[in-house]
Protein backbone atom coordinates (compact mmCIF):
# COMPACT_ATOMS: atom_id res chain seq x y z
CA MET A 1 10.98 -9.05 -18.50
CA ASP A 2 8.70 -11.82 -17.26
CA LYS A 3 5.36 -10.54 -16.05
CA ILE A 4 1.99 -11.68 -14.78
CA LEU A 5 -1.26 -9.96 -15.75
CA ILE A 6 -3.90 -9.39 -13.08
CA LEU A 7 -7.42 -8.79 -14.37
CA ASP A 8 -9.41 -6.66 -11.95
CA PHE A 9 -13.11 -7.42 -11.50
CA GLY A 10 -13.54 -4.66 -8.91
CA SER A 11 -12.25 -6.22 -5.70
CA GLN A 12 -11.05 -3.82 -3.01
CA VAL A 13 -7.95 -5.96 -2.51
CA THR A 14 -6.86 -6.50 -6.13
CA GLN A 15 -3.84 -4.29 -5.55
CA LEU A 16 -2.72 -6.62 -2.78
CA ILE A 17 -2.30 -9.39 -5.34
CA GLY A 18 0.10 -7.15 -7.22
CA ARG A 19 1.95 -6.18 -4.08
CA ARG A 20 2.41 -9.79 -3.01
CA LEU A 21 3.86 -10.67 -6.41
CA ARG A 22 6.15 -7.64 -6.38
CA GLU A 23 7.40 -8.72 -2.94
CA LEU A 24 8.54 -11.89 -4.71
CA ASN A 25 10.42 -9.69 -7.20
CA VAL A 26 7.94 -10.71 -9.88
CA TYR A 27 6.78 -7.93 -12.18
CA CYS A 28 3.02 -7.70 -12.72
CA GLU A 29 0.47 -5.33 -14.21
CA ILE A 30 -3.17 -4.78 -13.24
CA TYR A 31 -5.81 -4.16 -15.91
CA PRO A 32 -9.60 -3.75 -15.75
CA TYR A 33 -11.28 -6.99 -16.86
CA HIS A 34 -12.68 -5.28 -19.98
CA LYS A 35 -9.27 -4.02 -21.15
CA VAL A 36 -7.19 -7.17 -21.55
CA PRO A 37 -3.93 -6.24 -23.30
CA ALA A 38 -2.47 -8.27 -26.13
CA LEU A 39 -0.46 -11.18 -24.80
CA ASP A 40 3.19 -11.37 -25.80
CA ALA A 41 6.02 -13.71 -24.89
CA SER A 42 6.75 -11.79 -21.66
CA VAL A 43 3.35 -12.70 -20.13
CA ARG A 44 3.91 -15.86 -18.12
CA GLY A 45 0.56 -16.10 -16.36
CA VAL A 46 -2.84 -14.48 -15.67
CA ILE A 47 -4.71 -13.97 -12.38
CA LEU A 48 -8.45 -13.28 -12.19
CA SER A 49 -9.30 -11.16 -9.12
CA GLY A 50 -12.23 -11.17 -6.75
CA SER A 51 -15.26 -8.91 -7.17
CA PRO A 52 -18.23 -7.52 -5.23
CA CYS A 53 -20.44 -8.97 -8.01
CA SER A 54 -21.97 -12.42 -8.31
CA VAL A 55 -21.29 -14.58 -11.36
CA ARG A 56 -25.03 -15.35 -11.29
CA ASP A 57 -25.98 -11.73 -12.00
CA ALA A 58 -27.24 -10.94 -15.49
CA ASN A 59 -24.76 -8.07 -15.80
CA ALA A 60 -21.82 -9.82 -14.09
CA PRO A 61 -18.36 -8.83 -15.37
CA GLN A 62 -17.28 -11.06 -18.27
CA VAL A 63 -13.93 -11.82 -19.90
CA ASP A 64 -13.05 -13.98 -22.89
CA LEU A 65 -11.21 -16.89 -21.25
CA SER A 66 -10.10 -18.25 -24.63
CA LEU A 67 -7.56 -15.43 -24.80
CA PHE A 68 -5.35 -17.22 -22.27
CA ARG A 69 -6.94 -20.33 -20.75
CA GLY A 70 -4.99 -23.45 -21.69
CA ARG A 71 -2.29 -21.32 -23.33
CA ILE A 72 -0.58 -19.99 -20.20
CA PRO A 73 -1.02 -20.61 -16.44
CA LEU A 74 -4.20 -19.17 -14.95
CA LEU A 75 -5.25 -18.57 -11.34
CA GLY A 76 -8.79 -17.59 -10.34
CA ILE A 77 -9.32 -15.96 -6.94
CA CYS A 78 -12.78 -15.87 -5.30
CA TYR A 79 -14.99 -14.38 -8.09
CA GLY A 80 -12.32 -15.56 -10.53
CA ALA A 81 -12.63 -19.11 -9.22
CA GLN A 82 -16.42 -19.03 -9.46
CA TYR A 83 -16.27 -17.51 -12.96
CA LEU A 84 -13.95 -20.32 -14.12
CA ALA A 85 -16.31 -22.90 -12.64
CA GLN A 86 -19.45 -21.42 -14.18
CA LYS A 87 -17.93 -20.91 -17.63
CA GLY A 88 -16.53 -24.44 -17.56
CA GLY A 89 -19.95 -26.00 -16.97
CA GLY A 90 -19.83 -26.21 -13.18
CA LYS A 91 -22.49 -24.84 -10.85
CA VAL A 92 -22.32 -21.73 -8.64
CA GLU A 93 -25.08 -21.18 -6.09
CA ALA A 94 -25.84 -18.72 -3.31
CA ALA A 95 -24.20 -19.89 -0.12
CA HIS A 96 -26.52 -20.80 2.77
CA SER A 97 -24.89 -17.95 4.64
CA ARG A 98 -22.27 -15.46 3.49
CA GLU A 99 -18.77 -16.92 3.84
CA TYR A 100 -16.81 -14.11 5.42
CA GLY A 101 -13.78 -14.16 7.68
CA ARG A 102 -11.30 -16.75 8.89
CA ALA A 103 -11.59 -20.43 8.01
CA MET A 104 -9.29 -23.41 8.29
CA LEU A 105 -8.09 -24.90 5.01
CA ASP A 106 -7.46 -28.64 4.78
CA VAL A 107 -5.18 -29.72 1.94
CA VAL A 108 -6.73 -32.58 -0.05
CA GLN A 109 -4.01 -32.99 -2.69
CA ALA A 110 -0.61 -32.23 -1.17
CA ASP A 111 1.28 -32.77 -4.44
CA SER A 112 -0.63 -30.02 -6.23
CA PRO A 113 1.91 -27.50 -7.62
CA LEU A 114 -0.18 -24.66 -6.15
CA LEU A 115 -0.03 -26.09 -2.62
CA LYS A 116 3.63 -27.14 -2.53
CA GLY A 117 4.99 -26.48 0.98
CA VAL A 118 1.59 -25.43 2.35
CA SER A 119 0.70 -26.91 5.75
CA ALA A 120 -1.89 -29.67 5.85
CA ARG A 121 -4.11 -27.28 7.81
CA SER A 122 -3.80 -23.49 7.76
CA GLN A 123 -5.88 -20.34 8.12
CA VAL A 124 -7.42 -18.62 5.07
CA TRP A 125 -9.70 -15.61 4.58
CA MET A 126 -13.10 -16.04 2.93
CA SER A 127 -15.21 -13.24 1.44
CA HIS A 128 -18.03 -14.38 -0.83
CA ALA A 129 -21.80 -14.82 -0.91
CA ASP A 130 -21.74 -17.58 -3.56
CA THR A 131 -20.16 -21.01 -3.50
CA ILE A 132 -19.17 -23.59 -6.12
CA SER A 133 -21.50 -26.54 -5.61
CA ARG A 134 -20.29 -28.54 -8.63
CA LEU A 135 -16.89 -28.38 -10.31
CA PRO A 136 -16.60 -28.24 -14.10
CA GLU A 137 -15.59 -31.33 -16.02
CA GLY A 138 -11.87 -32.04 -15.80
CA ALA A 139 -11.44 -30.21 -12.47
CA HIS A 140 -10.80 -31.77 -9.07
CA VAL A 141 -10.61 -30.54 -5.48
CA ILE A 142 -7.18 -29.83 -3.99
CA ALA A 143 -8.28 -28.19 -0.69
CA SER A 144 -11.44 -27.76 1.39
CA THR A 145 -12.73 -26.06 4.52
CA ALA A 146 -15.42 -27.27 6.92
CA ASP A 147 -18.09 -25.28 5.02
CA VAL A 148 -16.61 -25.02 1.51
CA VAL A 149 -15.82 -28.34 -0.12
CA ASN A 150 -14.44 -26.83 -3.32
CA ALA A 151 -12.26 -24.22 -1.60
CA ALA A 152 -9.44 -24.84 -4.10
CA TYR A 153 -9.35 -26.83 -7.33
CA GLN A 154 -7.31 -27.38 -10.45
CA PHE A 155 -7.75 -28.83 -13.93
CA ALA A 156 -5.99 -32.08 -14.77
CA ASP A 157 -4.97 -31.29 -18.33
CA GLU A 158 -4.01 -27.60 -18.13
CA PRO A 159 -2.19 -25.21 -15.74
CA THR A 160 -5.42 -23.65 -14.47
CA TYR A 161 -6.00 -23.27 -10.71
CA ALA A 162 -8.66 -21.62 -8.58
CA VAL A 163 -9.25 -20.73 -4.91
CA GLN A 164 -12.44 -19.43 -3.28
CA PHE A 165 -10.47 -17.62 -0.57
CA HIS A 166 -8.09 -14.65 -0.79
CA PRO A 167 -4.40 -15.70 -0.70
CA GLU A 168 -3.31 -12.06 -1.12
CA VAL A 169 -4.58 -10.82 2.27
CA PHE A 170 -2.58 -10.94 5.47
CA HIS A 171 -5.18 -13.14 7.20
CA THR A 172 -4.44 -16.05 4.84
CA ALA A 173 -1.45 -17.39 6.73
CA GLU A 174 0.27 -19.16 3.83
CA GLY A 175 -1.18 -17.20 0.94
CA SER A 176 2.24 -15.83 -0.04
CA VAL A 177 3.47 -19.44 -0.39
CA MET A 178 0.63 -20.20 -2.80
CA LEU A 179 1.29 -17.07 -4.86
CA GLU A 180 5.00 -17.90 -4.93
CA ASN A 181 4.17 -21.42 -6.13
CA PHE A 182 2.04 -19.95 -8.91
CA ALA A 183 4.42 -17.17 -10.00
CA LEU A 184 7.83 -18.82 -9.65
CA GLY A 185 6.87 -22.46 -9.98
CA ILE A 186 3.87 -22.82 -12.27
CA CYS A 187 4.50 -19.68 -14.36
CA GLY A 188 8.29 -19.99 -14.27
CA CYS A 189 8.98 -16.30 -13.58
CA GLN A 190 12.61 -15.51 -12.72
CA GLY A 191 11.93 -13.12 -9.81
CA ASP A 192 14.41 -10.51 -11.04
CA TRP A 193 12.28 -7.38 -10.50
CA THR A 194 14.59 -5.48 -8.07
CA PRO A 195 15.26 -1.78 -7.31
CA ASP A 196 18.66 -1.94 -9.00
CA SER A 197 17.27 -3.56 -12.14
CA PHE A 198 14.45 -0.99 -12.21
CA ILE A 199 16.91 1.91 -11.94
CA GLU A 200 19.15 0.53 -14.66
CA THR A 201 16.37 -0.08 -17.18
CA THR A 202 14.45 3.12 -16.32
CA VAL A 203 17.47 5.43 -16.62
CA GLU A 204 18.24 4.06 -20.06
CA ALA A 205 14.58 4.30 -21.11
CA LEU A 206 14.37 7.93 -19.90
CA ARG A 207 17.44 8.89 -21.93
CA GLN A 208 15.93 7.33 -25.03
CA GLN A 209 12.52 8.90 -24.40
CA ILE A 210 13.63 12.46 -23.57
CA GLY A 211 16.74 12.88 -25.70
CA ASP A 212 18.25 16.35 -25.28
CA GLU A 213 15.00 18.17 -24.42
CA GLN A 214 14.23 20.04 -21.18
CA VAL A 215 12.02 18.57 -18.42
CA ILE A 216 10.02 20.31 -15.68
CA LEU A 217 8.95 18.51 -12.50
CA GLY A 218 6.75 19.70 -9.64
CA LEU A 219 8.40 18.85 -6.32
CA SER A 220 6.28 18.47 -3.20
CA GLY A 221 8.86 17.26 -0.70
CA GLY A 222 7.20 13.85 -0.67
CA VAL A 223 8.91 10.58 -1.48
CA ASP A 224 7.28 10.10 -4.90
CA SER A 225 8.30 13.42 -6.45
CA THR A 226 11.73 13.25 -4.76
CA VAL A 227 12.54 9.80 -6.13
CA ALA A 228 11.21 10.78 -9.56
CA ALA A 229 13.46 13.88 -9.53
CA VAL A 230 16.61 12.00 -8.51
CA LEU A 231 15.93 9.24 -11.05
CA LEU A 232 15.46 11.82 -13.82
CA HIS A 233 18.56 13.72 -12.71
CA LYS A 234 20.55 10.48 -12.91
CA ALA A 235 19.30 10.05 -16.47
CA ILE A 236 19.42 13.57 -17.91
CA GLY A 237 21.27 15.76 -15.37
CA PRO A 238 20.92 19.54 -15.98
CA GLN A 239 18.06 19.07 -18.44
CA LEU A 240 15.75 18.80 -15.37
CA THR A 241 14.28 21.80 -13.56
CA CYS A 242 12.17 21.28 -10.42
CA ILE A 243 9.51 23.71 -9.16
CA PHE A 244 8.25 23.63 -5.57
CA VAL A 245 5.03 25.62 -5.12
CA ASN A 246 4.21 27.10 -1.73
CA ASN A 247 0.42 27.03 -1.66
CA GLY A 248 0.24 28.57 1.81
CA LEU A 249 -1.31 25.36 3.11
CA LEU A 250 1.86 23.53 4.08
CA ARG A 251 2.93 22.41 7.53
CA LYS A 252 4.90 24.64 9.88
CA ASN A 253 8.15 25.84 8.22
CA GLU A 254 7.69 23.23 5.48
CA PHE A 255 8.46 25.48 2.51
CA GLN A 256 11.87 26.45 3.91
CA ASP A 257 12.64 22.99 5.31
CA VAL A 258 11.88 21.17 2.07
CA LEU A 259 14.00 23.53 0.00
CA ALA A 260 16.87 23.07 2.46
CA SER A 261 16.53 19.28 2.33
CA TYR A 262 17.28 19.28 -1.40
CA GLN A 263 20.55 21.13 -1.00
CA GLY A 264 23.53 18.99 -1.94
CA MET A 265 21.47 16.64 -4.13
CA GLY A 266 22.47 18.28 -7.39
CA LEU A 267 18.89 19.23 -8.28
CA HIS A 268 17.97 22.60 -9.78
CA VAL A 269 14.98 23.66 -7.63
CA ILE A 270 12.92 26.85 -7.98
CA GLY A 271 10.79 27.90 -5.00
CA ALA A 272 7.48 29.44 -6.12
CA ASP A 273 5.78 31.33 -3.27
CA ALA A 274 2.07 31.83 -4.02
CA ALA A 275 0.59 31.50 -0.53
CA GLY A 276 -1.61 34.60 -0.73
CA ASP A 277 -3.16 33.57 -4.04
CA PHE A 278 -4.28 30.20 -2.71
CA LEU A 279 -5.85 31.62 0.44
CA GLN A 280 -7.78 34.13 -1.63
CA ALA A 281 -9.02 31.38 -3.97
CA LEU A 282 -10.28 29.36 -0.99
CA LYS A 283 -12.18 32.24 0.59
CA GLY A 284 -15.78 31.26 1.29
CA LEU A 285 -15.39 27.64 0.11
CA THR A 286 -16.58 24.87 2.45
CA ASP A 287 -17.29 21.88 0.16
CA PRO A 288 -14.31 19.48 0.05
CA GLU A 289 -14.49 18.96 -3.72
CA ALA A 290 -14.76 22.70 -4.32
CA LYS A 291 -11.65 23.26 -2.22
CA ARG A 292 -9.73 20.52 -4.04
CA LYS A 293 -10.68 21.90 -7.45
CA ALA A 294 -9.78 25.47 -6.52
CA ILE A 295 -6.38 24.36 -5.24
CA GLY A 296 -5.79 22.20 -8.32
CA ARG A 297 -6.74 25.00 -10.72
CA LEU A 298 -4.51 27.56 -9.02
CA PHE A 299 -1.64 25.08 -8.78
CA VAL A 300 -1.83 24.65 -12.57
CA GLU A 301 -1.80 28.41 -13.08
CA THR A 302 1.09 28.99 -10.68
CA PHE A 303 3.15 26.10 -11.97
CA ASP A 304 2.52 27.19 -15.55
CA ARG A 305 3.62 30.75 -14.81
CA TYR A 306 6.97 29.61 -13.47
CA ALA A 307 7.38 26.83 -16.03
CA ARG A 308 7.06 29.28 -18.93
CA GLN A 309 10.27 30.93 -17.71
CA ILE A 310 12.18 27.74 -18.58
CA LYS A 311 13.23 27.88 -22.23
CA ASN A 312 12.68 24.91 -24.53
CA ALA A 313 10.79 22.84 -21.95
CA ARG A 314 9.06 19.98 -23.74
CA TRP A 315 8.34 17.47 -20.97
CA LEU A 316 6.37 17.53 -17.73
CA ALA A 317 7.53 14.93 -15.18
CA GLN A 318 5.10 13.69 -12.53
CA GLY A 319 5.56 11.48 -9.49
CA THR A 320 2.55 9.35 -10.44
CA ILE A 321 2.71 5.87 -8.89
CA TYR A 322 0.81 2.71 -9.70
CA PRO A 323 -2.08 3.08 -7.20
CA ASP A 324 -2.80 6.49 -8.78
CA VAL A 325 -3.07 4.88 -12.20
CA ILE A 326 -5.25 2.00 -11.01
CA GLU A 327 -7.60 4.26 -9.03
CA SER A 328 -8.01 6.54 -12.03
CA ALA A 329 -8.80 3.66 -14.39
CA GLY A 330 -11.93 2.50 -12.57
CA ILE A 331 -14.14 -0.52 -13.17
CA PRO A 332 -17.35 0.41 -15.02
CA GLY A 333 -20.48 -0.22 -13.01
CA ILE A 334 -18.47 -1.33 -9.96
CA ALA A 335 -15.92 1.22 -8.79
CA SER A 336 -17.13 4.69 -7.84
CA LYS A 337 -15.15 7.89 -7.41
CA ILE A 338 -14.84 8.66 -3.70
CA LYS A 339 -13.02 11.94 -4.26
CA SER A 340 -11.09 13.57 -7.06
CA HIS A 341 -7.45 12.60 -7.25
CA HIS A 342 -4.81 15.31 -7.08
CA ASN A 343 -1.95 13.62 -8.92
CA VAL A 344 -3.23 12.26 -12.23
CA GLY A 345 -4.32 14.65 -14.98
CA GLY A 346 -4.73 18.42 -15.13
CA LEU A 347 -1.29 19.72 -15.89
CA PRO A 348 -0.68 18.04 -19.26
CA GLN A 349 -3.89 19.41 -20.81
CA GLU A 350 -3.22 22.92 -19.56
CA MET A 351 0.45 23.16 -20.44
CA ASN A 352 0.69 21.31 -23.77
CA LEU A 353 3.71 19.33 -22.60
CA LYS A 354 4.56 15.68 -23.14
CA VAL A 355 4.31 13.67 -19.93
CA VAL A 356 6.98 11.45 -18.40
CA GLU A 357 6.14 9.39 -15.31
CA PRO A 358 9.18 7.30 -14.31
CA LEU A 359 7.45 5.75 -11.25
CA ARG A 360 4.17 4.96 -12.95
CA MET A 361 4.46 1.20 -12.44
CA LEU A 362 5.66 1.23 -8.79
CA PHE A 363 3.81 0.83 -5.51
CA LYS A 364 4.75 3.17 -2.65
CA ASP A 365 7.00 0.69 -0.85
CA GLU A 366 8.81 0.01 -4.13
CA VAL A 367 9.33 3.75 -4.61
CA ARG A 368 10.99 3.87 -1.19
CA ARG A 369 13.24 0.91 -2.00
CA VAL A 370 14.28 2.59 -5.25
CA GLY A 371 14.94 5.80 -3.31
CA ARG A 372 17.24 3.99 -0.92
CA ALA A 373 19.04 2.33 -3.84
CA LEU A 374 19.55 5.82 -5.32
CA GLY A 375 21.16 6.99 -2.07
CA ILE A 376 18.43 9.50 -1.11
CA LYS A 377 18.46 10.62 2.53
CA GLU A 378 16.29 8.48 4.81
CA GLU A 379 14.41 11.52 6.13
CA LEU A 380 13.01 12.02 2.62
CA VAL A 381 12.56 8.35 1.72
CA SER A 382 10.58 7.54 4.88
CA ARG A 383 8.51 10.73 4.90
CA HIS A 384 4.79 10.20 5.42
CA PRO A 385 2.44 10.78 2.48
CA PHE A 386 0.93 14.27 2.51
CA PRO A 387 -2.22 15.17 0.54
CA GLY A 388 -1.87 17.40 -2.52
CA PRO A 389 -4.47 19.89 -1.16
CA SER A 390 -2.34 20.00 2.01
CA LEU A 391 -3.87 21.34 5.23
CA ALA A 392 -6.93 22.66 3.38
CA ILE A 393 -8.60 19.24 3.68
CA ARG A 394 -7.61 18.93 7.33
CA ILE A 395 -9.59 22.06 8.15
CA ILE A 396 -13.24 21.06 7.98
CA GLY A 397 -15.07 23.94 6.35
CA GLU A 398 -13.66 27.28 5.19
CA VAL A 399 -9.89 27.76 5.28
CA THR A 400 -8.59 30.93 6.94
CA GLU A 401 -5.16 32.12 8.02
CA GLU A 402 -6.26 31.96 11.66
CA LYS A 403 -7.37 28.33 11.37
CA LEU A 404 -4.17 27.43 9.53
CA ALA A 405 -2.09 28.95 12.33
CA VAL A 406 -3.91 26.87 14.96
CA LEU A 407 -3.67 23.67 12.91
CA ARG A 408 0.03 24.14 12.12
CA GLU A 409 0.95 24.46 15.79
CA ALA A 410 -1.10 21.43 16.86
CA ASP A 411 0.22 19.37 13.93
CA ASP A 412 3.81 20.35 14.70
CA ILE A 413 3.47 19.15 18.29
CA PHE A 414 1.96 15.86 17.12
CA ILE A 415 4.59 15.12 14.46
CA ARG A 416 7.52 16.13 16.70
CA GLY A 417 6.08 13.91 19.41
CA LEU A 418 5.94 10.96 17.03
CA ARG A 419 9.58 11.42 16.07
CA ALA A 420 10.71 11.81 19.68
CA TYR A 421 8.92 8.79 21.18
CA ASP A 422 11.26 5.81 21.44
CA CYS A 423 9.33 2.63 20.61
CA THR A 424 12.33 0.30 20.39
CA GLY A 425 11.31 -3.17 21.51
CA MET A 426 7.57 -2.51 21.27
CA GLY A 427 7.23 -4.72 18.18
CA PHE A 428 6.11 -2.04 15.71
CA PRO A 429 7.41 -2.73 12.17
CA SER A 430 8.69 0.18 10.13
CA ALA A 431 5.99 1.53 7.81
CA SER A 432 8.52 2.44 5.13
CA ASP A 433 10.38 -0.88 5.31
CA PRO A 434 8.39 -3.68 7.02
CA ARG A 435 11.51 -5.83 7.09
CA GLU A 436 12.88 -3.54 9.82
CA MET A 437 11.49 -2.64 13.26
CA ALA A 438 10.59 0.97 14.01
CA THR A 439 12.65 2.85 16.58
CA ASN A 440 10.24 5.79 16.88
CA LEU A 441 6.51 6.17 16.38
CA TYR A 442 6.86 8.27 13.24
CA ASP A 443 8.61 5.39 11.47
CA ALA A 444 5.93 2.92 12.64
CA ILE A 445 3.10 4.94 11.08
CA TRP A 446 2.11 5.19 7.42
CA GLN A 447 0.45 8.62 7.68
CA ALA A 448 -0.36 10.99 10.52
CA GLY A 449 -1.83 14.45 10.94
CA VAL A 450 -4.20 16.65 12.90
CA ILE A 451 -7.69 17.70 11.80
CA LEU A 452 -9.26 20.96 12.99
CA LEU A 453 -12.95 20.38 13.68
CA PRO A 454 -15.67 22.96 12.86
CA VAL A 455 -17.31 22.78 16.29
CA LYS A 456 -16.57 24.21 19.71
CA SER A 457 -16.60 22.61 23.12
CA VAL A 458 -16.65 23.89 26.67
CA GLY A 459 -13.49 23.54 28.73
CA VAL A 460 -11.84 24.83 31.88
CA MET A 461 -8.37 26.35 31.97
CA GLY A 462 -7.28 27.58 35.34
CA ASP A 463 -10.40 29.08 36.87
CA GLU A 464 -11.85 30.23 33.56
CA ARG A 465 -14.41 28.70 31.24
CA THR A 466 -13.26 28.21 27.64
CA TYR A 467 -15.24 27.67 24.46
CA GLU A 468 -12.79 26.60 21.78
CA ASN A 469 -12.15 24.07 19.01
CA PRO A 470 -11.39 20.39 19.39
CA VAL A 471 -8.77 18.78 17.17
CA ALA A 472 -8.64 15.14 16.07
CA LEU A 473 -5.42 13.16 15.82
CA ARG A 474 -5.25 10.76 12.85
CA ALA A 475 -2.60 8.04 12.50
CA VAL A 476 -2.87 4.90 10.39
CA VAL A 477 -0.83 1.91 9.33
CA SER A 478 -1.09 0.71 5.76
CA THR A 479 0.91 -0.71 2.88
CA ASP A 480 -0.60 1.15 -0.07
CA ALA A 481 -3.32 3.47 1.35
CA MET A 482 -6.07 1.38 -0.24
CA THR A 483 -6.85 -0.06 3.18
CA ALA A 484 -5.67 1.30 6.53
CA ASP A 485 -6.03 0.60 10.25
CA TRP A 486 -5.73 3.09 13.09
CA PHE A 487 -2.48 2.95 15.02
CA PRO A 488 -2.54 1.54 18.61
CA PHE A 489 -0.76 4.36 20.44
CA PRO A 490 0.68 3.84 23.91
CA TYR A 491 -1.60 5.67 26.34
CA ASP A 492 1.20 7.79 27.75
CA PHE A 493 1.91 9.19 24.28
CA LEU A 494 -1.72 10.21 23.75
CA ARG A 495 -1.83 11.76 27.23
CA ASP A 496 1.34 13.78 26.75
CA VAL A 497 0.52 15.01 23.24
CA SER A 498 -3.01 15.98 24.26
CA ASN A 499 -1.71 17.92 27.26
CA GLU A 500 0.93 19.72 25.21
CA ILE A 501 -1.48 20.74 22.44
CA ILE A 502 -4.09 22.07 24.87
CA ARG A 503 -1.46 23.86 26.95
CA LYS A 504 0.43 25.48 24.05
CA VAL A 505 -2.04 25.99 21.20
CA ARG A 506 -4.37 28.91 21.81
CA GLY A 507 -7.80 28.10 20.39
CA VAL A 508 -7.80 24.38 21.22
CA ASN A 509 -9.24 22.95 24.42
CA ARG A 510 -9.96 19.32 23.52
CA VAL A 511 -8.07 16.51 21.71
CA VAL A 512 -9.68 13.33 20.37
CA TYR A 513 -8.21 10.34 18.53
CA ASP A 514 -9.83 8.97 15.36
CA ILE A 515 -9.97 5.16 15.54
CA SER A 516 -11.76 4.61 12.22
CA SER A 517 -10.28 2.20 9.69
CA LYS A 518 -10.35 2.43 5.88
CA PRO A 519 -12.83 1.25 4.76
CA PRO A 520 -15.39 2.43 5.80
CA ALA A 521 -13.67 5.75 6.54
CA THR A 522 -10.97 7.36 4.39
CA ILE A 523 -7.55 8.37 5.72
CA GLU A 524 -8.22 12.08 5.30
CA TRP A 525 -11.45 13.62 6.58
CA GLU A 526 -12.16 15.49 3.34
């Protein structure tokens, strides 16, 4: 299959390059700049990402351009463009002022293959502190802005192109056109990366990989593990056993509801109820990382206990998706761990099983498209992401049964309210399929939940003074959870949900709405 390699120099939006290419049905893979894979005939082009670093720094990220430059098409973005200029003998200097935000791009060379079909003047997004003051020999300008003369350039005698703006972000109005020109036109990719083709090739690969051995998979009720289970079942049928662990930290009635939702799907699912064990393990813990690690350790132990009952199990299946893999890889000296991840690692080392990850190369929206192609019920395909540590990281501080009871009731009111609110005609795109418009608020939102805060506030109910907990509503829109914006709720929805929570949930007397975006905040509070 044709593919494009993306070399990551640490930009926060590198994944967006991959997503934009995948939206064009072009397969791509992202690698840290220091781990360039061997190039084979399937690699049709290379993209160099942006970076928070400066090419002028003594310890700036470096890559051997001779591995691909002049041999296959190459596109440098922001840092990548400046790196190409510097290494080619051009000059990169500190900009007079940081170039950040919207700018208007003026096309200088309309017949450039990279700018085919791009308007003579269009909006782009800048984000750099350096600028290319002199192009390398053999390069010429193809587009400029009022402040950046060399905003885009190309080399005359090779298929190498560079832009000092970010075509992958939404704010660059015609960035997708440029990426399409590069991938389909300059690189000659066929654009045949579709859900159906993925299913066909993956099912055959799973059969070859697994043979006649038994596979165990941990179900969570989320879209990733569900799609992984159905895909594996399509490949190996009764050789798959699924285990769904009740950690006692799930939403209201979730253990029973999730098990019921899998009925009629042909899956063999074992429900493992270990709620009491998890609550005991969390007793006295307040640090978020300590809570995550305790939950992860006990999940391994519980899963292992049930898995050992399955004879001849040789494989552990996981619903790992591509953002999990990229986040776990890291960029030395640039990327830092914000919090431990709950999906990659842990189980294989403890259980001595071979690992199979059928969704490892998919982004979340691609997982959903594959799920729909497999015929999975929409209520499962469009389900919001839910953190592995569950409600434990939505209770700030120590987790107790009493706090869980309060949070479950408030969360249930919030989620039911989202599903019940008709937003037809309000212009909200569906979070699970942006090509469609949402008909209710739940479908318009990427992820939503309630956080129980570790403080108390004074209130008045009837004629009595109250001193109870506030809760915070959290709802964001996103495409891959790497960046996220808070959702602009209609005021009447916030009013009604706040009133219902305060009126019905004993222990809560105040509701606030978190309007922080990621970054600088994260989606979850812990």
